[in-house]
Amino acid sequence: MRRWRRDPFAELVERQLTLFAVDEADLLREAVEAEEEWNRAGRDMAEEAYGDYQLVVDAIADRLLDVREAYAATLDGDAVDAYRRSFAAGAARRFRRYASLVADLEP
């Protein structure tokens, strides 16, 4: 809890990401399956399998951005940047296996 005292948005972000994980469980599972398929794909199918995986990762990023921006729209001034930084850090911790989505969440 000490971390939340330094970051006023940490607890909120953790709750948002927990709800996201529940609400988007099928999409997150689809990403795991697509990654496994890509890893199993032979040379002739690897590019297509990676494309399928990337589409799912992009969908995850888009939905996380929707969550972030919906709340950010309720804030003013410096709070917006602080919240976005907190959200990006939380998403990076929670969904680290999707490196491209973390980059998309940078403010």
PDB file of N, CA and C in Angstrom:
ATOM      1  N   MET A   1       0.805  -1.196   0.000  1.00  0.00           N
ATOM      2  CA  MET A   1       0.000   0.000   0.000  1.00  0.00           C
ATOM      3  C   MET A   1       0.845   1.255   0.000  1.00  0.00           C
ATOM      4  N   ARG A   2       2.010   1.165   0.436  1.00  0.00           N
ATOM      5  CA  ARG A   2       2.887   2.321   0.465  1.00  0.00           C
ATOM      6  C   ARG A   2       3.018   2.948  -0.922  1.00  0.00           C
ATOM      7  N   ARG A   3       3.103   2.109  -1.933  1.00  0.00           N
ATOM      8  CA  ARG A   3       3.221   2.583  -3.308  1.00  0.00           C
ATOM      9  C   ARG A   3       2.040   3.470  -3.675  1.00  0.00           C
ATOM     10  N   TRP A   4       0.854   3.146  -3.197  1.00  0.00           N
ATOM     11  CA  TRP A   4      -0.335   3.917  -3.534  1.00  0.00           C
ATOM     12  C   TRP A   4      -0.305   5.305  -2.914  1.00  0.00           C
ATOM     13  N   ARG A   5       0.392   5.468  -1.813  1.00  0.00           N
ATOM     14  CA  ARG A   5       0.485   6.788  -1.194  1.00  0.00           C
ATOM     15  C   ARG A   5       1.298   7.731  -2.067  1.00  0.00           C
ATOM     16  N   ARG A   6       2.305   7.222  -2.725  1.00  0.00           N
ATOM     17  CA  ARG A   6       3.119   8.054  -3.598  1.00  0.00           C
ATOM     18  C   ARG A   6       2.443   8.301  -4.931  1.00  0.00           C
ATOM     19  N   ASP A   7       1.652   7.375  -5.360  1.00  0.00           N
ATOM     20  CA  ASP A   7       0.941   7.491  -6.633  1.00  0.00           C
ATOM     21  C   ASP A   7      -0.555   7.509  -6.336  1.00  0.00           C
ATOM     22  N   PRO A   8      -1.163   8.678  -6.426  1.00  0.00           N
ATOM     23  CA  PRO A   8      -2.582   8.760  -6.057  1.00  0.00           C
ATOM     24  C   PRO A   8      -3.504   7.947  -6.966  1.00  0.00           C
ATOM     25  N   PHE A   9      -3.009   7.526  -8.126  1.00  0.00           N
ATOM     26  CA  PHE A   9      -3.843   6.778  -9.063  1.00  0.00           C
ATOM     27  C   PHE A   9      -3.568   5.281  -9.054  1.00  0.00           C
ATOM     28  N   ALA A  10      -2.592   4.831  -8.293  1.00  0.00           N
ATOM     29  CA  ALA A  10      -2.184   3.423  -8.340  1.00  0.00           C
ATOM     30  C   ALA A  10      -3.329   2.465  -8.001  1.00  0.00           C
ATOM     31  N   GLU A  11      -4.052   2.744  -6.944  1.00  0.00           N
ATOM     32  CA  GLU A  11      -5.146   1.850  -6.549  1.00  0.00           C
ATOM     33  C   GLU A  11      -6.247   1.849  -7.610  1.00  0.00           C
ATOM     34  N   LEU A  12      -6.596   3.011  -8.112  1.00  0.00           N
ATOM     35  CA  LEU A  12      -7.600   3.119  -9.172  1.00  0.00           C
ATOM     36  C   LEU A  12      -7.171   2.323 -10.401  1.00  0.00           C
ATOM     37  N   VAL A  13      -5.929   2.508 -10.811  1.00  0.00           N
ATOM     38  CA  VAL A  13      -5.426   1.812 -11.997  1.00  0.00           C
ATOM     39  C   VAL A  13      -5.454   0.307 -11.788  1.00  0.00           C
ATOM     40  N   GLU A  14      -5.045  -0.157 -10.614  1.00  0.00           N
ATOM     41  CA  GLU A  14      -5.083  -1.599 -10.345  1.00  0.00           C
ATOM     42  C   GLU A  14      -6.504  -2.136 -10.453  1.00  0.00           C
ATOM     43  N   ARG A  15      -7.463  -1.385  -9.935  1.00  0.00           N
ATOM     44  CA  ARG A  15      -8.863  -1.807 -10.046  1.00  0.00           C
ATOM     45  C   ARG A  15      -9.330  -1.804 -11.499  1.00  0.00           C
ATOM     46  N   GLN A  16      -8.960  -0.777 -12.233  1.00  0.00           N
ATOM     47  CA  GLN A  16      -9.336  -0.712 -13.648  1.00  0.00           C
ATOM     48  C   GLN A  16      -8.749  -1.899 -14.410  1.00  0.00           C
ATOM     49  N   LEU A  17      -7.492  -2.217 -14.147  1.00  0.00           N
ATOM     50  CA  LEU A  17      -6.846  -3.322 -14.861  1.00  0.00           C
ATOM     51  C   LEU A  17      -7.414  -4.679 -14.448  1.00  0.00           C
ATOM     52  N   THR A  18      -7.818  -4.804 -13.202  1.00  0.00           N
ATOM     53  CA  THR A  18      -8.470  -6.037 -12.757  1.00  0.00           C
ATOM     54  C   THR A  18      -9.805  -6.206 -13.471  1.00  0.00           C
ATOM     55  N   LEU A  19     -10.586  -5.133 -13.533  1.00  0.00           N
ATOM     56  CA  LEU A  19     -11.856  -5.190 -14.271  1.00  0.00           C
ATOM     57  C   LEU A  19     -11.623  -5.483 -15.750  1.00  0.00           C
ATOM     58  N   PHE A  20     -10.591  -4.874 -16.314  1.00  0.00           N
ATOM     59  CA  PHE A  20     -10.256  -5.127 -17.709  1.00  0.00           C
ATOM     60  C   PHE A  20      -9.951  -6.610 -17.927  1.00  0.00           C
ATOM     61  N   ALA A  21      -9.154  -7.184 -17.031  1.00  0.00           N
ATOM     62  CA  ALA A  21      -8.789  -8.597 -17.165  1.00  0.00           C
ATOM     63  C   ALA A  21     -10.018  -9.504 -17.098  1.00  0.00           C
ATOM     64  N   VAL A  22     -10.987  -9.144 -16.273  1.00  0.00           N
ATOM     65  CA  VAL A  22     -12.219  -9.931 -16.171  1.00  0.00           C
ATOM     66  C   VAL A  22     -13.083  -9.713 -17.413  1.00  0.00           C
ATOM     67  N   ASP A  23     -13.301  -8.458 -17.761  1.00  0.00           N
ATOM     68  CA  ASP A  23     -14.167  -8.128 -18.896  1.00  0.00           C
ATOM     69  C   ASP A  23     -13.602  -8.624 -20.219  1.00  0.00           C
ATOM     70  N   GLU A  24     -12.296  -8.612 -20.348  1.00  0.00           N
ATOM     71  CA  GLU A  24     -11.645  -8.980 -21.606  1.00  0.00           C
ATOM     72  C   GLU A  24     -10.928 -10.328 -21.519  1.00  0.00           C
ATOM     73  N   ALA A  25     -11.397 -11.202 -20.637  1.00  0.00           N
ATOM     74  CA  ALA A  25     -10.754 -12.506 -20.448  1.00  0.00           C
ATOM     75  C   ALA A  25     -10.690 -13.298 -21.747  1.00  0.00           C
ATOM     76  N   ASP A  26     -11.747 -13.239 -22.543  1.00  0.00           N
ATOM     77  CA  ASP A  26     -11.742 -13.980 -23.811  1.00  0.00           C
ATOM     78  C   ASP A  26     -10.675 -13.434 -24.755  1.00  0.00           C
ATOM     79  N   LEU A  27     -10.550 -12.127 -24.826  1.00  0.00           N
ATOM     80  CA  LEU A  27      -9.550 -11.512 -25.696  1.00  0.00           C
ATOM     81  C   LEU A  27      -8.130 -11.833 -25.211  1.00  0.00           C
ATOM     82  N   LEU A  28      -7.910 -11.783 -23.923  1.00  0.00           N
ATOM     83  CA  LEU A  28      -6.594 -12.118 -23.378  1.00  0.00           C
ATOM     84  C   LEU A  28      -6.257 -13.587 -23.621  1.00  0.00           C
ATOM     85  N   ARG A  29      -7.248 -14.442 -23.486  1.00  0.00           N
ATOM     86  CA  ARG A  29      -7.053 -15.871 -23.776  1.00  0.00           C
ATOM     87  C   ARG A  29      -6.756 -16.068 -25.266  1.00  0.00           C
ATOM     88  N   GLU A  30      -7.456 -15.320 -26.098  1.00  0.00           N
ATOM     89  CA  GLU A  30      -7.212 -15.386 -27.544  1.00  0.00           C
ATOM     90  C   GLU A  30      -5.777 -14.984 -27.872  1.00  0.00           C
ATOM     91  N   ALA A  31      -5.247 -14.000 -27.154  1.00  0.00           N
ATOM     92  CA  ALA A  31      -3.866 -13.568 -27.379  1.00  0.00           C
ATOM     93  C   ALA A  31      -2.886 -14.682 -27.022  1.00  0.00           C
ATOM     94  N   VAL A  32      -3.130 -15.361 -25.915  1.00  0.00           N
ATOM     95  CA  VAL A  32      -2.265 -16.471 -25.522  1.00  0.00           C
ATOM     96  C   VAL A  32      -2.317 -17.567 -26.573  1.00  0.00           C
ATOM     97  N   GLU A  33      -3.514 -17.887 -27.031  1.00  0.00           N
ATOM     98  CA  GLU A  33      -3.668 -18.929 -28.046  1.00  0.00           C
ATOM     99  C   GLU A  33      -3.007 -18.530 -29.363  1.00  0.00           C
ATOM    100  N   ALA A  34      -3.152 -17.269 -29.754  1.00  0.00           N
ATOM    101  CA  ALA A  34      -2.538 -16.800 -30.998  1.00  0.00           C
ATOM    102  C   ALA A  34      -1.016 -16.827 -30.895  1.00  0.00           C
ATOM    103  N   GLU A  35      -0.490 -16.487 -29.731  1.00  0.00           N
ATOM    104  CA  GLU A  35       0.961 -16.540 -29.542  1.00  0.00           C
ATOM    105  C   GLU A  35       1.460 -17.983 -29.610  1.00  0.00           C
ATOM    106  N   GLU A  36       0.722 -18.889 -28.988  1.00  0.00           N
ATOM    107  CA  GLU A  36       1.097 -20.303 -29.041  1.00  0.00           C
ATOM    108  C   GLU A  36       1.059 -20.826 -30.469  1.00  0.00           C
ATOM    109  N   GLU A  37       0.042 -20.420 -31.218  1.00  0.00           N
ATOM    110  CA  GLU A  37      -0.069 -20.825 -32.622  1.00  0.00           C
ATOM    111  C   GLU A  37       1.113 -20.298 -33.428  1.00  0.00           C
ATOM    112  N   TRP A  38       1.469 -19.064 -33.181  1.00  0.00           N
ATOM    113  CA  TRP A  38       2.616 -18.459 -33.865  1.00  0.00           C
ATOM    114  C   TRP A  38       3.892 -19.229 -33.533  1.00  0.00           C
ATOM    115  N   ASN A  39       4.068 -19.587 -32.270  1.00  0.00           N
ATOM    116  CA  ASN A  39       5.260 -20.327 -31.863  1.00  0.00           C
ATOM    117  C   ASN A  39       5.305 -21.729 -32.462  1.00  0.00           C
ATOM    118  N   ARG A  40       4.144 -22.315 -32.708  1.00  0.00           N
ATOM    119  CA  ARG A  40       4.085 -23.656 -33.304  1.00  0.00           C
ATOM    120  C   ARG A  40       4.156 -23.635 -34.828  1.00  0.00           C
ATOM    121  N   ALA A  41       3.909 -22.488 -35.411  1.00  0.00           N
ATOM    122  CA  ALA A  41       3.813 -22.400 -36.874  1.00  0.00           C
ATOM    123  C   ALA A  41       5.154 -22.725 -37.539  1.00  0.00           C
ATOM    124  N   GLY A  42       5.049 -23.414 -38.645  1.00  0.00           N
ATOM    125  CA  GLY A  42       6.231 -23.678 -39.445  1.00  0.00           C
ATOM    126  C   GLY A  42       6.644 -22.424 -40.198  1.00  0.00           C
ATOM    127  N   ARG A  43       7.762 -22.508 -40.861  1.00  0.00           N
ATOM    128  CA  ARG A  43       8.293 -21.345 -41.583  1.00  0.00           C
ATOM    129  C   ARG A  43       7.306 -20.784 -42.587  1.00  0.00           C
ATOM    130  N   ASP A  44       6.557 -21.659 -43.235  1.00  0.00           N
ATOM    131  CA  ASP A  44       5.634 -21.203 -44.271  1.00  0.00           C
ATOM    132  C   ASP A  44       4.397 -20.509 -43.704  1.00  0.00           C
ATOM    133  N   MET A  45       4.074 -20.723 -42.431  1.00  0.00           N
ATOM    134  CA  MET A  45       2.879 -20.120 -41.820  1.00  0.00           C
ATOM    135  C   MET A  45       3.207 -19.105 -40.721  1.00  0.00           C
ATOM    136  N   ALA A  46       4.480 -18.952 -40.396  1.00  0.00           N
ATOM    137  CA  ALA A  46       4.871 -18.103 -39.264  1.00  0.00           C
ATOM    138  C   ALA A  46       4.457 -16.652 -39.463  1.00  0.00           C
ATOM    139  N   GLU A  47       4.624 -16.132 -40.656  1.00  0.00           N
ATOM    140  CA  GLU A  47       4.285 -14.728 -40.892  1.00  0.00           C
ATOM    141  C   GLU A  47       2.787 -14.483 -40.714  1.00  0.00           C
ATOM    142  N   GLU A  48       1.976 -15.366 -41.243  1.00  0.00           N
ATOM    143  CA  GLU A  48       0.528 -15.225 -41.088  1.00  0.00           C
ATOM    144  C   GLU A  48       0.111 -15.383 -39.625  1.00  0.00           C
ATOM    145  N   ALA A  49       0.710 -16.345 -38.935  1.00  0.00           N
ATOM    146  CA  ALA A  49       0.383 -16.559 -37.526  1.00  0.00           C
ATOM    147  C   ALA A  49       0.800 -15.349 -36.689  1.00  0.00           C
ATOM    148  N   TYR A  50       1.938 -14.749 -37.010  1.00  0.00           N
ATOM    149  CA  TYR A  50       2.357 -13.551 -36.287  1.00  0.00           C
ATOM    150  C   TYR A  50       1.377 -12.410 -36.548  1.00  0.00           C
ATOM    151  N   GLY A  51       0.919 -12.277 -37.776  1.00  0.00           N
ATOM    152  CA  GLY A  51      -0.064 -11.245 -38.104  1.00  0.00           C
ATOM    153  C   GLY A  51      -1.344 -11.422 -37.307  1.00  0.00           C
ATOM    154  N   ASP A  52      -1.791 -12.658 -37.171  1.00  0.00           N
ATOM    155  CA  ASP A  52      -2.988 -12.934 -36.365  1.00  0.00           C
ATOM    156  C   ASP A  52      -2.759 -12.548 -34.908  1.00  0.00           C
ATOM    157  N   TYR A  53      -1.590 -12.895 -34.387  1.00  0.00           N
ATOM    158  CA  TYR A  53      -1.234 -12.555 -33.012  1.00  0.00           C
ATOM    159  C   TYR A  53      -1.204 -11.038 -32.832  1.00  0.00           C
ATOM    160  N   GLN A  54      -0.597 -10.344 -33.757  1.00  0.00           N
ATOM    161  CA  GLN A  54      -0.478  -8.893 -33.658  1.00  0.00           C
ATOM    162  C   GLN A  54      -1.842  -8.205 -33.697  1.00  0.00           C
ATOM    163  N   LEU A  55      -2.765  -8.747 -34.461  1.00  0.00           N
ATOM    164  CA  LEU A  55      -4.117  -8.186 -34.489  1.00  0.00           C
ATOM    165  C   LEU A  55      -4.780  -8.262 -33.106  1.00  0.00           C
ATOM    166  N   VAL A  56      -4.581  -9.363 -32.419  1.00  0.00           N
ATOM    167  CA  VAL A  56      -5.155  -9.514 -31.085  1.00  0.00           C
ATOM    168  C   VAL A  56      -4.471  -8.560 -30.106  1.00  0.00           C
ATOM    169  N   VAL A  57      -3.158  -8.459 -30.185  1.00  0.00           N
ATOM    170  CA  VAL A  57      -2.412  -7.541 -29.312  1.00  0.00           C
ATOM    171  C   VAL A  57      -2.862  -6.104 -29.563  1.00  0.00           C
ATOM    172  N   ASP A  58      -3.068  -5.741 -30.807  1.00  0.00           N
ATOM    173  CA  ASP A  58      -3.550  -4.396 -31.135  1.00  0.00           C
ATOM    174  C   ASP A  58      -4.946  -4.156 -30.552  1.00  0.00           C
ATOM    175  N   ALA A  59      -5.785  -5.178 -30.582  1.00  0.00           N
ATOM    176  CA  ALA A  59      -7.132  -5.046 -30.002  1.00  0.00           C
ATOM    177  C   ALA A  59      -7.043  -4.831 -28.489  1.00  0.00           C
ATOM    178  N   ILE A  60      -6.126  -5.530 -27.828  1.00  0.00           N
ATOM    179  CA  ILE A  60      -5.917  -5.336 -26.397  1.00  0.00           C
ATOM    180  C   ILE A  60      -5.472  -3.898 -26.136  1.00  0.00           C
ATOM    181  N   ALA A  61      -4.513  -3.423 -26.903  1.00  0.00           N
ATOM    182  CA  ALA A  61      -4.018  -2.055 -26.737  1.00  0.00           C
ATOM    183  C   ALA A  61      -5.134  -1.036 -26.950  1.00  0.00           C
ATOM    184  N   ASP A  62      -5.931  -1.227 -27.985  1.00  0.00           N
ATOM    185  CA  ASP A  62      -7.033  -0.296 -28.257  1.00  0.00           C
ATOM    186  C   ASP A  62      -8.019  -0.241 -27.093  1.00  0.00           C
ATOM    187  N   ARG A  63      -8.330  -1.391 -26.540  1.00  0.00           N
ATOM    188  CA  ARG A  63      -9.298  -1.420 -25.437  1.00  0.00           C
ATOM    189  C   ARG A  63      -8.719  -0.822 -24.163  1.00  0.00           C
ATOM    190  N   LEU A  64      -7.431  -1.063 -23.923  1.00  0.00           N
ATOM    191  CA  LEU A  64      -6.791  -0.423 -22.774  1.00  0.00           C
ATOM    192  C   LEU A  64      -6.745   1.097 -22.951  1.00  0.00           C
ATOM    193  N   LEU A  65      -6.452   1.533 -24.161  1.00  0.00           N
ATOM    194  CA  LEU A  65      -6.445   2.972 -24.423  1.00  0.00           C
ATOM    195  C   LEU A  65      -7.825   3.578 -24.218  1.00  0.00           C
ATOM    196  N   ASP A  66      -8.862   2.847 -24.589  1.00  0.00           N
ATOM    197  CA  ASP A  66     -10.232   3.329 -24.356  1.00  0.00           C
ATOM    198  C   ASP A  66     -10.496   3.509 -22.862  1.00  0.00           C
ATOM    199  N   VAL A  67     -10.063   2.540 -22.065  1.00  0.00           N
ATOM    200  CA  VAL A  67     -10.236   2.639 -20.616  1.00  0.00           C
ATOM    201  C   VAL A  67      -9.472   3.851 -20.086  1.00  0.00           C
ATOM    202  N   ARG A  68      -8.212   3.955 -20.501  1.00  0.00           N
ATOM    203  CA  ARG A  68      -7.379   5.055 -20.020  1.00  0.00           C
ATOM    204  C   ARG A  68      -7.954   6.408 -20.396  1.00  0.00           C
ATOM    205  N   GLU A  69      -8.321   6.574 -21.638  1.00  0.00           N
ATOM    206  CA  GLU A  69      -8.769   7.885 -22.110  1.00  0.00           C
ATOM    207  C   GLU A  69     -10.152   8.250 -21.587  1.00  0.00           C
ATOM    208  N   ALA A  70     -10.991   7.259 -21.332  1.00  0.00           N
ATOM    209  CA  ALA A  70     -12.312   7.554 -20.761  1.00  0.00           C
ATOM    210  C   ALA A  70     -12.158   8.188 -19.384  1.00  0.00           C
ATOM    211  N   TYR A  71     -11.240   7.668 -18.580  1.00  0.00           N
ATOM    212  CA  TYR A  71     -11.042   8.261 -17.266  1.00  0.00           C
ATOM    213  C   TYR A  71     -10.236   9.556 -17.366  1.00  0.00           C
ATOM    214  N   ALA A  72      -9.231   9.585 -18.216  1.00  0.00           N
ATOM    215  CA  ALA A  72      -8.406  10.796 -18.361  1.00  0.00           C
ATOM    216  C   ALA A  72      -9.258  11.997 -18.757  1.00  0.00           C
ATOM    217  N   ALA A  73     -10.326  11.763 -19.501  1.00  0.00           N
ATOM    218  CA  ALA A  73     -11.204  12.854 -19.942  1.00  0.00           C
ATOM    219  C   ALA A  73     -11.922  13.516 -18.769  1.00  0.00           C
ATOM    220  N   THR A  74     -11.941  12.856 -17.619  1.00  0.00           N
ATOM    221  CA  THR A  74     -12.617  13.439 -16.448  1.00  0.00           C
ATOM    222  C   THR A  74     -11.669  14.282 -15.604  1.00  0.00           C
ATOM    223  N   LEU A  75     -10.388  14.294 -15.961  1.00  0.00           N
ATOM    224  CA  LEU A  75      -9.375  14.983 -15.156  1.00  0.00           C
ATOM    225  C   LEU A  75      -8.958  16.304 -15.781  1.00  0.00           C
ATOM    226  N   ASP A  76      -8.335  17.140 -14.964  1.00  0.00           N
ATOM    227  CA  ASP A  76      -7.834  18.421 -15.426  1.00  0.00           C
ATOM    228  C   ASP A  76      -6.330  18.520 -15.216  1.00  0.00           C
ATOM    229  N   GLY A  77      -5.701  19.358 -16.017  1.00  0.00           N
ATOM    230  CA  GLY A  77      -4.313  19.762 -15.811  1.00  0.00           C
ATOM    231  C   GLY A  77      -3.317  18.647 -15.631  1.00  0.00           C
ATOM    232  N   ASP A  78      -2.475  18.813 -14.605  1.00  0.00           N
ATOM    233  CA  ASP A  78      -1.390  17.871 -14.354  1.00  0.00           C
ATOM    234  C   ASP A  78      -1.894  16.481 -13.975  1.00  0.00           C
ATOM    235  N   ALA A  79      -3.106  16.399 -13.469  1.00  0.00           N
ATOM    236  CA  ALA A  79      -3.651  15.106 -13.070  1.00  0.00           C
ATOM    237  C   ALA A  79      -3.762  14.160 -14.265  1.00  0.00           C
ATOM    238  N   VAL A  80      -4.033  14.696 -15.440  1.00  0.00           N
ATOM    239  CA  VAL A  80      -4.154  13.855 -16.640  1.00  0.00           C
ATOM    240  C   VAL A  80      -2.835  13.142 -16.911  1.00  0.00           C
ATOM    241  N   ASP A  81      -1.741  13.889 -16.919  1.00  0.00           N
ATOM    242  CA  ASP A  81      -0.437  13.280 -17.191  1.00  0.00           C
ATOM    243  C   ASP A  81      -0.043  12.291 -16.104  1.00  0.00           C
ATOM    244  N   ALA A  82      -0.319  12.631 -14.850  1.00  0.00           N
ATOM    245  CA  ALA A  82       0.011  11.730 -13.744  1.00  0.00           C
ATOM    246  C   ALA A  82      -0.788  10.432 -13.861  1.00  0.00           C
ATOM    247  N   TYR A  83      -2.056  10.543 -14.194  1.00  0.00           N
ATOM    248  CA  TYR A  83      -2.891   9.353 -14.358  1.00  0.00           C
ATOM    249  C   TYR A  83      -2.391   8.506 -15.529  1.00  0.00           C
ATOM    250  N   ARG A  84      -2.099   9.136 -16.652  1.00  0.00           N
ATOM    251  CA  ARG A  84      -1.619   8.369 -17.814  1.00  0.00           C
ATOM    252  C   ARG A  84      -0.321   7.645 -17.504  1.00  0.00           C
ATOM    253  N   ARG A  85       0.586   8.305 -16.777  1.00  0.00           N
ATOM    254  CA  ARG A  85       1.842   7.645 -16.387  1.00  0.00           C
ATOM    255  C   ARG A  85       1.557   6.447 -15.478  1.00  0.00           C
ATOM    256  N   SER A  86       0.663   6.640 -14.539  1.00  0.00           N
ATOM    257  CA  SER A  86       0.304   5.560 -13.629  1.00  0.00           C
ATOM    258  C   SER A  86      -0.334   4.395 -14.388  1.00  0.00           C
ATOM    259  N   PHE A  87      -1.208   4.714 -15.324  1.00  0.00           N
ATOM    260  CA  PHE A  87      -1.874   3.673 -16.105  1.00  0.00           C
ATOM    261  C   PHE A  87      -0.857   2.911 -16.957  1.00  0.00           C
ATOM    262  N   ALA A  88       0.050   3.637 -17.597  1.00  0.00           N
ATOM    263  CA  ALA A  88       1.069   2.989 -18.427  1.00  0.00           C
ATOM    264  C   ALA A  88       1.936   2.058 -17.587  1.00  0.00           C
ATOM    265  N   ALA A  89       2.333   2.506 -16.402  1.00  0.00           N
ATOM    266  CA  ALA A  89       3.159   1.674 -15.523  1.00  0.00           C
ATOM    267  C   ALA A  89       2.381   0.440 -15.063  1.00  0.00           C
ATOM    268  N   GLY A  90       1.124   0.627 -14.702  1.00  0.00           N
ATOM    269  CA  GLY A  90       0.307  -0.503 -14.269  1.00  0.00           C
ATOM    270  C   GLY A  90       0.076  -1.509 -15.383  1.00  0.00           C
ATOM    271  N   ALA A  91      -0.207  -1.004 -16.575  1.00  0.00           N
ATOM    272  CA  ALA A  91      -0.427  -1.902 -17.717  1.00  0.00           C
ATOM    273  C   ALA A  91       0.849  -2.656 -18.071  1.00  0.00           C
ATOM    274  N   ALA A  92       1.993  -1.981 -17.970  1.00  0.00           N
ATOM    275  CA  ALA A  92       3.265  -2.639 -18.255  1.00  0.00           C
ATOM    276  C   ALA A  92       3.526  -3.768 -17.261  1.00  0.00           C
ATOM    277  N   ARG A  93       3.198  -3.536 -16.011  1.00  0.00           N
ATOM    278  CA  ARG A  93       3.374  -4.585 -14.995  1.00  0.00           C
ATOM    279  C   ARG A  93       2.400  -5.737 -15.219  1.00  0.00           C
ATOM    280  N   ARG A  94       1.169  -5.408 -15.472  1.00  0.00           N
ATOM    281  CA  ARG A  94       0.115  -6.424 -15.531  1.00  0.00           C
ATOM    282  C   ARG A  94       0.124  -7.216 -16.831  1.00  0.00           C
ATOM    283  N   PHE A  95       0.440  -6.536 -17.930  1.00  0.00           N
ATOM    284  CA  PHE A  95       0.362  -7.176 -19.250  1.00  0.00           C
ATOM    285  C   PHE A  95       1.706  -7.100 -19.979  1.00  0.00           C
ATOM    286  N   ARG A  96       2.781  -7.344 -19.263  1.00  0.00           N
ATOM    287  CA  ARG A  96       4.116  -7.140 -19.812  1.00  0.00           C
ATOM    288  C   ARG A  96       4.446  -7.996 -21.034  1.00  0.00           C
ATOM    289  N   ARG A  97       3.762  -9.092 -21.185  1.00  0.00           N
ATOM    290  CA  ARG A  97       4.113  -9.956 -22.314  1.00  0.00           C
ATOM    291  C   ARG A  97       3.723  -9.359 -23.661  1.00  0.00           C
ATOM    292  N   TYR A  98       2.964  -8.292 -23.646  1.00  0.00           N
ATOM    293  CA  TYR A  98       2.560  -7.630 -24.881  1.00  0.00           C
ATOM    294  C   TYR A  98       3.334  -6.325 -25.027  1.00  0.00           C
ATOM    295  N   ALA A  99       4.595  -6.441 -25.396  1.00  0.00           N
ATOM    296  CA  ALA A  99       5.504  -5.294 -25.428  1.00  0.00           C
ATOM    297  C   ALA A  99       4.995  -4.152 -26.293  1.00  0.00           C
ATOM    298  N   SER A 100       4.394  -4.466 -27.424  1.00  0.00           N
ATOM    299  CA  SER A 100       3.940  -3.385 -28.305  1.00  0.00           C
ATOM    300  C   SER A 100       2.796  -2.603 -27.667  1.00  0.00           C
ATOM    301  N   LEU A 101       1.955  -3.251 -26.886  1.00  0.00           N
ATOM    302  CA  LEU A 101       0.849  -2.518 -26.263  1.00  0.00           C
ATOM    303  C   LEU A 101       1.367  -1.567 -25.206  1.00  0.00           C
ATOM    304  N   VAL A 102       2.410  -1.943 -24.505  1.00  0.00           N
ATOM    305  CA  VAL A 102       2.984  -1.046 -23.493  1.00  0.00           C
ATOM    306  C   VAL A 102       3.505   0.216 -24.165  1.00  0.00           C
ATOM    307  N   ALA A 103       4.163   0.065 -25.297  1.00  0.00           N
ATOM    308  CA  ALA A 103       4.660   1.231 -26.028  1.00  0.00           C
ATOM    309  C   ALA A 103       3.509   2.125 -26.465  1.00  0.00           C
ATOM    310  N   ASP A 104       2.395   1.535 -26.872  1.00  0.00           N
ATOM    311  CA  ASP A 104       1.229   2.317 -27.299  1.00  0.00           C
ATOM    312  C   ASP A 104       0.600   3.089 -26.156  1.00  0.00           C
ATOM    313  N   LEU A 105       0.844   2.658 -24.917  1.00  0.00           N
ATOM    314  CA  LEU A 105       0.223   3.324 -23.771  1.00  0.00           C
ATOM    315  C   LEU A 105       1.048   4.471 -23.212  1.00  0.00           C
ATOM    316  N   GLU A 106       2.219   4.708 -23.757  1.00  0.00           N
ATOM    317  CA  GLU A 106       3.026   5.822 -23.271  1.00  0.00           C
ATOM    318  C   GLU A 106       2.319   7.125 -23.561  1.00  0.00           C
ATOM    319  N   PRO A 107       2.323   8.060 -22.590  1.00  0.00           N
ATOM    320  CA  PRO A 107       1.623   9.333 -22.805  1.00  0.00           C
ATOM    321  C   PRO A 107       2.315  10.202 -23.835  1.00  0.00           C
TER     322      PRO A 107
END
